[in-house]
Amino acid sequence: MAYFSTRKIGQMKFGPNRGHKNLQIVEALPISVGQYIYIVRVGSDYHLMTMTKEQINYCIKLDESKLDLNEIEPQFDKYLKKFIKEKQE
């Protein structure tokens, strides 16, 4: 039961669309405490933004052909399966 609950929550938080059709955070990179760089998809365009707790800054529109948009497989599933297997042994 916990496995399926955790998996569903992970899909909701980290899933490819997270329920949004026109707006998606494609990638996030922390650059310091409370400061992040984001690649955001708005419709079919990609934009680079920076965000802190106090503000959001728009940087530039990105060229989609220069982005690597291959989705990285979430590793949480792998670690959870390993943990469950170890507990069963």
N, C-alpha and C. Protein backbone atom coordinates (compact mmCIF):
# COMPACT_ATOMS: atom_id res chain seq x y z
N MET A 1 0.82 -1.19 0.00
CA MET A 1 0.00 0.00 0.00
C MET A 1 0.87 1.26 0.00
N ALA A 2 1.90 1.27 0.86
CA ALA A 2 2.79 2.43 0.92
C ALA A 2 3.51 2.63 -0.41
N TYR A 3 3.89 1.52 -1.05
CA TYR A 3 4.58 1.60 -2.34
C TYR A 3 3.72 2.33 -3.36
N PHE A 4 2.45 1.92 -3.47
CA PHE A 4 1.57 2.52 -4.47
C PHE A 4 1.24 3.97 -4.14
N SER A 5 1.08 4.28 -2.86
CA SER A 5 0.83 5.66 -2.46
C SER A 5 2.03 6.54 -2.80
N THR A 6 3.22 6.07 -2.47
CA THR A 6 4.43 6.83 -2.75
C THR A 6 4.63 6.99 -4.25
N ARG A 7 4.35 5.96 -5.00
CA ARG A 7 4.50 6.03 -6.45
C ARG A 7 3.53 7.05 -7.04
N LYS A 8 2.29 7.06 -6.57
CA LYS A 8 1.30 8.00 -7.08
C LYS A 8 1.69 9.43 -6.75
N ILE A 9 2.16 9.66 -5.53
CA ILE A 9 2.59 11.00 -5.14
C ILE A 9 3.77 11.44 -5.98
N GLY A 10 4.72 10.52 -6.24
CA GLY A 10 5.87 10.84 -7.08
C GLY A 10 5.46 11.18 -8.50
N GLN A 11 4.48 10.49 -9.04
CA GLN A 11 4.00 10.78 -10.38
C GLN A 11 3.33 12.14 -10.42
N MET A 12 2.58 12.46 -9.37
CA MET A 12 1.90 13.76 -9.34
C MET A 12 2.91 14.89 -9.25
N LYS A 13 3.95 14.71 -8.46
CA LYS A 13 4.93 15.77 -8.27
C LYS A 13 5.94 15.84 -9.41
N PHE A 14 6.41 14.69 -9.87
CA PHE A 14 7.49 14.67 -10.84
C PHE A 14 7.09 14.15 -12.20
N GLY A 15 5.81 13.86 -12.41
CA GLY A 15 5.33 13.34 -13.69
C GLY A 15 5.56 14.32 -14.81
N PRO A 16 5.51 13.85 -16.06
CA PRO A 16 5.86 14.71 -17.18
C PRO A 16 4.96 15.94 -17.33
N ASN A 17 3.68 15.84 -17.06
CA ASN A 17 2.79 16.99 -17.25
C ASN A 17 2.24 17.54 -15.95
N ARG A 18 2.20 16.75 -14.91
CA ARG A 18 1.68 17.14 -13.62
C ARG A 18 0.31 17.80 -13.75
N GLY A 19 -0.49 17.38 -14.73
CA GLY A 19 -1.84 17.89 -14.87
C GLY A 19 -1.95 19.20 -15.63
N HIS A 20 -0.86 19.77 -16.10
CA HIS A 20 -0.90 21.04 -16.81
C HIS A 20 -0.62 20.79 -18.28
N LYS A 21 -1.44 21.39 -19.13
CA LYS A 21 -1.27 21.18 -20.57
C LYS A 21 -0.34 22.21 -21.20
N ASN A 22 -0.35 23.43 -20.70
CA ASN A 22 0.37 24.51 -21.36
C ASN A 22 1.56 25.05 -20.58
N LEU A 23 1.73 24.61 -19.36
CA LEU A 23 2.80 25.14 -18.53
C LEU A 23 3.48 23.98 -17.81
N GLN A 24 4.82 23.91 -17.91
CA GLN A 24 5.55 22.81 -17.30
C GLN A 24 6.96 23.26 -16.94
N ILE A 25 7.40 22.92 -15.73
CA ILE A 25 8.79 23.12 -15.35
C ILE A 25 9.55 21.90 -15.88
N VAL A 26 10.39 22.13 -16.86
CA VAL A 26 11.11 21.04 -17.53
C VAL A 26 12.31 20.61 -16.71
N GLU A 27 13.02 21.59 -16.16
CA GLU A 27 14.22 21.27 -15.40
C GLU A 27 14.47 22.38 -14.38
N ALA A 28 14.99 22.00 -13.23
CA ALA A 28 15.32 22.97 -12.18
C ALA A 28 16.73 22.67 -11.68
N LEU A 29 17.48 23.73 -11.46
CA LEU A 29 18.85 23.58 -10.97
C LEU A 29 19.07 24.55 -9.81
N PRO A 30 19.31 24.03 -8.60
CA PRO A 30 19.60 24.93 -7.49
C PRO A 30 20.99 25.54 -7.68
N ILE A 31 21.09 26.86 -7.52
CA ILE A 31 22.39 27.50 -7.66
C ILE A 31 22.93 27.98 -6.31
N SER A 32 22.06 28.15 -5.34
CA SER A 32 22.45 28.40 -3.95
C SER A 32 21.19 28.21 -3.10
N VAL A 33 21.31 28.44 -1.81
CA VAL A 33 20.17 28.24 -0.93
C VAL A 33 19.04 29.18 -1.33
N GLY A 34 17.92 28.60 -1.73
CA GLY A 34 16.74 29.40 -2.08
C GLY A 34 16.80 30.05 -3.45
N GLN A 35 17.79 29.72 -4.28
CA GLN A 35 17.91 30.29 -5.62
C GLN A 35 17.99 29.18 -6.65
N TYR A 36 17.17 29.29 -7.69
CA TYR A 36 17.07 28.24 -8.69
C TYR A 36 17.06 28.83 -10.09
N ILE A 37 17.53 28.02 -11.04
CA ILE A 37 17.39 28.31 -12.46
C ILE A 37 16.41 27.28 -13.00
N TYR A 38 15.42 27.75 -13.77
CA TYR A 38 14.40 26.86 -14.32
C TYR A 38 14.34 26.97 -15.83
N ILE A 39 14.12 25.83 -16.47
CA ILE A 39 13.69 25.82 -17.87
C ILE A 39 12.20 25.53 -17.81
N VAL A 40 11.41 26.46 -18.35
CA VAL A 40 9.95 26.37 -18.28
C VAL A 40 9.39 26.29 -19.69
N ARG A 41 8.48 25.34 -19.91
CA ARG A 41 7.79 25.25 -21.20
C ARG A 41 6.46 25.98 -21.05
N VAL A 42 6.24 26.95 -21.92
CA VAL A 42 4.97 27.67 -21.98
C VAL A 42 4.42 27.45 -23.38
N GLY A 43 3.36 26.65 -23.48
CA GLY A 43 2.86 26.26 -24.79
C GLY A 43 3.90 25.39 -25.46
N SER A 44 4.42 25.85 -26.58
CA SER A 44 5.47 25.09 -27.28
C SER A 44 6.83 25.77 -27.20
N ASP A 45 6.92 26.86 -26.43
CA ASP A 45 8.17 27.61 -26.30
C ASP A 45 8.84 27.30 -24.96
N TYR A 46 10.16 27.42 -24.94
CA TYR A 46 10.94 27.17 -23.73
C TYR A 46 11.63 28.46 -23.30
N HIS A 47 11.61 28.69 -21.98
CA HIS A 47 12.15 29.93 -21.43
C HIS A 47 13.05 29.61 -20.24
N LEU A 48 14.08 30.43 -20.06
CA LEU A 48 14.98 30.31 -18.92
C LEU A 48 14.59 31.37 -17.90
N MET A 49 14.42 30.94 -16.64
CA MET A 49 14.01 31.85 -15.58
C MET A 49 14.82 31.56 -14.33
N THR A 50 14.98 32.58 -13.50
CA THR A 50 15.58 32.39 -12.18
C THR A 50 14.54 32.76 -11.14
N MET A 51 14.59 32.05 -10.00
CA MET A 51 13.61 32.31 -8.96
C MET A 51 14.26 32.24 -7.59
N THR A 52 13.81 33.14 -6.73
CA THR A 52 14.14 33.12 -5.31
C THR A 52 12.83 33.18 -4.55
N LYS A 53 12.91 33.22 -3.23
CA LYS A 53 11.68 33.35 -2.44
C LYS A 53 11.00 34.69 -2.70
N GLU A 54 11.77 35.70 -3.02
CA GLU A 54 11.23 37.05 -3.17
C GLU A 54 10.85 37.43 -4.59
N GLN A 55 11.49 36.82 -5.59
CA GLN A 55 11.23 37.29 -6.96
C GLN A 55 11.43 36.21 -8.00
N ILE A 56 10.85 36.48 -9.17
CA ILE A 56 11.01 35.64 -10.36
C ILE A 56 11.57 36.54 -11.45
N ASN A 57 12.63 36.08 -12.11
CA ASN A 57 13.25 36.86 -13.19
C ASN A 57 13.21 36.07 -14.49
N TYR A 58 12.77 36.74 -15.54
CA TYR A 58 12.79 36.14 -16.87
C TYR A 58 14.15 36.43 -17.49
N CYS A 59 14.79 35.39 -18.05
CA CYS A 59 16.12 35.57 -18.63
C CYS A 59 16.08 35.64 -20.15
N ILE A 60 15.61 34.55 -20.79
CA ILE A 60 15.69 34.49 -22.25
C ILE A 60 14.80 33.36 -22.78
N LYS A 61 14.36 33.52 -24.03
CA LYS A 61 13.68 32.43 -24.72
C LYS A 61 14.76 31.49 -25.25
N LEU A 62 14.56 30.19 -25.06
CA LEU A 62 15.55 29.20 -25.47
C LEU A 62 15.19 28.58 -26.80
N ASP A 63 16.21 28.20 -27.56
CA ASP A 63 16.02 27.51 -28.83
C ASP A 63 15.83 26.02 -28.54
N GLU A 64 14.65 25.50 -28.84
CA GLU A 64 14.32 24.11 -28.53
C GLU A 64 15.31 23.13 -29.17
N SER A 65 15.82 23.46 -30.35
CA SER A 65 16.73 22.53 -31.04
C SER A 65 18.07 22.38 -30.30
N LYS A 66 18.38 23.31 -29.41
CA LYS A 66 19.64 23.24 -28.67
C LYS A 66 19.47 22.61 -27.28
N LEU A 67 18.23 22.22 -26.93
CA LEU A 67 17.97 21.61 -25.63
C LEU A 67 17.95 20.10 -25.73
N ASP A 68 18.44 19.44 -24.70
CA ASP A 68 18.33 17.99 -24.60
C ASP A 68 17.09 17.71 -23.76
N LEU A 69 16.00 17.34 -24.43
CA LEU A 69 14.72 17.15 -23.76
C LEU A 69 14.41 15.70 -23.46
N ASN A 70 15.41 14.83 -23.57
CA ASN A 70 15.20 13.43 -23.21
C ASN A 70 14.94 13.34 -21.72
N GLU A 71 13.85 12.69 -21.37
CA GLU A 71 13.46 12.60 -19.97
C GLU A 71 14.37 11.62 -19.24
N ILE A 72 14.83 12.03 -18.08
CA ILE A 72 15.65 11.17 -17.23
C ILE A 72 14.70 10.33 -16.40
N GLU A 73 14.96 9.04 -16.41
CA GLU A 73 14.10 8.10 -15.66
C GLU A 73 14.25 8.36 -14.16
N PRO A 74 13.14 8.58 -13.46
CA PRO A 74 13.25 8.79 -12.02
C PRO A 74 13.89 7.60 -11.32
N GLN A 75 14.81 7.86 -10.42
CA GLN A 75 15.54 6.81 -9.73
C GLN A 75 14.83 6.34 -8.46
N PHE A 76 13.81 7.06 -8.02
CA PHE A 76 13.14 6.72 -6.77
C PHE A 76 12.58 5.31 -6.82
N ASP A 77 11.97 4.93 -7.94
CA ASP A 77 11.42 3.58 -8.10
C ASP A 77 12.48 2.51 -7.83
N LYS A 78 13.66 2.73 -8.40
CA LYS A 78 14.75 1.76 -8.26
C LYS A 78 15.16 1.61 -6.79
N TYR A 79 15.31 2.73 -6.10
CA TYR A 79 15.72 2.69 -4.70
C TYR A 79 14.64 2.08 -3.81
N LEU A 80 13.38 2.39 -4.10
CA LEU A 80 12.28 1.84 -3.31
C LEU A 80 12.20 0.33 -3.48
N LYS A 81 12.35 -0.16 -4.71
CA LYS A 81 12.32 -1.61 -4.96
C LYS A 81 13.47 -2.30 -4.23
N LYS A 82 14.65 -1.69 -4.25
CA LYS A 82 15.80 -2.26 -3.56
C LYS A 82 15.55 -2.30 -2.05
N PHE A 83 14.98 -1.24 -1.52
CA PHE A 83 14.68 -1.18 -0.09
C PHE A 83 13.67 -2.25 0.30
N ILE A 84 12.61 -2.40 -0.49
CA ILE A 84 11.58 -3.41 -0.20
C ILE A 84 12.18 -4.80 -0.27
N LYS A 85 13.02 -5.04 -1.27
CA LYS A 85 13.66 -6.35 -1.42
C LYS A 85 14.53 -6.67 -0.21
N GLU A 86 15.30 -5.69 0.26
CA GLU A 86 16.16 -5.90 1.43
C GLU A 86 15.34 -6.18 2.68
N LYS A 87 14.21 -5.51 2.81
CA LYS A 87 13.35 -5.71 3.98
C LYS A 87 12.70 -7.09 3.97
N GLN A 88 12.44 -7.62 2.77
CA GLN A 88 11.80 -8.93 2.65
C GLN A 88 12.79 -10.06 2.93
N GLU A 89 14.07 -9.80 2.78
CA GLU A 89 15.09 -10.84 2.98
C GLU A 89 15.46 -11.04 4.40
